[in-house]
Amino acid sequence: MNKNLEQNNERNQWRSKQEESDNKIEAIREQMQDFSQNQAKETNQRKRRKKKKKRQSD
């Protein structure tokens, strides 16, 4: 019985560590996605400004 408890505890600890890792990975993915979206916005803004300047100079 004691061995079963030990095994259960080990499994639970492993699961907790896995969950923690999964949560960290998910947080990093979200940060990367946010970063990508911001980069795309900035790129689009730069393109719009360039077009606007070009139109004004024409």
Protein backbone atom coordinates (compact mmCIF):
# COMPACT_ATOMS: atom_id res chain seq x y z
CA MET A 1 0.00 0.00 0.00
CA ASN A 2 2.83 2.36 0.86
CA LYS A 3 4.43 1.67 -2.49
CA ASN A 4 1.17 2.57 -4.25
CA LEU A 5 1.04 5.88 -2.41
CA GLU A 6 4.62 6.62 -3.40
CA GLN A 7 3.89 5.79 -7.03
CA ASN A 8 0.77 7.97 -7.00
CA ASN A 9 2.74 10.85 -5.49
CA GLU A 10 5.44 10.48 -8.13
CA ARG A 11 2.82 10.44 -10.89
CA ASN A 12 1.11 13.49 -9.47
CA GLN A 13 4.40 15.37 -9.18
CA TRP A 14 5.25 14.45 -12.76
CA ARG A 15 1.82 15.61 -13.94
CA SER A 16 2.23 18.89 -12.08
CA LYS A 17 5.60 19.47 -13.71
CA GLN A 18 4.13 18.63 -17.12
CA GLU A 19 1.26 21.05 -16.58
CA GLU A 20 3.68 23.74 -15.49
CA SER A 21 5.78 23.17 -18.61
CA ASP A 22 2.71 23.18 -20.83
CA ASN A 23 1.55 26.45 -19.28
CA LYS A 24 4.96 28.05 -19.84
CA ILE A 25 5.00 26.87 -23.45
CA GLU A 26 1.50 28.23 -24.01
CA ALA A 27 2.48 31.59 -22.52
CA ILE A 28 5.52 31.77 -24.81
CA ARG A 29 3.38 30.90 -27.84
CA GLU A 30 0.97 33.69 -26.96
CA GLN A 31 3.85 36.16 -26.59
CA MET A 32 5.26 35.10 -29.96
CA GLN A 33 1.86 35.50 -31.58
CA ASP A 34 1.42 38.96 -30.06
CA PHE A 35 4.89 39.91 -31.25
CA SER A 36 4.15 38.70 -34.78
CA GLN A 37 0.90 40.62 -34.88
CA ASN A 38 2.64 43.79 -33.69
CA GLN A 39 5.37 43.34 -36.29
CA ALA A 40 2.74 42.98 -39.01
CA LYS A 41 0.93 46.12 -37.82
CA GLU A 42 4.16 48.10 -37.81
CA THR A 43 5.06 46.87 -41.29
CA ASN A 44 1.64 47.81 -42.63
CA GLN A 45 1.86 51.24 -41.02
CA ARG A 46 5.27 51.82 -42.60
CA LYS A 47 3.92 50.81 -46.01
CA ARG A 48 0.94 53.16 -45.65
CA ARG A 49 3.21 56.06 -44.63
CA LYS A 50 5.46 55.40 -47.62
CA LYS A 51 2.49 55.38 -50.00
CA LYS A 52 1.13 58.56 -48.44
CA LYS A 53 4.48 60.33 -48.81
CA LYS A 54 4.77 59.16 -52.40
CA ARG A 55 1.27 60.47 -53.22
CA GLN A 56 2.06 63.81 -51.60
CA SER A 57 5.28 64.18 -53.56
CA ASP A 58 3.57 63.32 -56.87
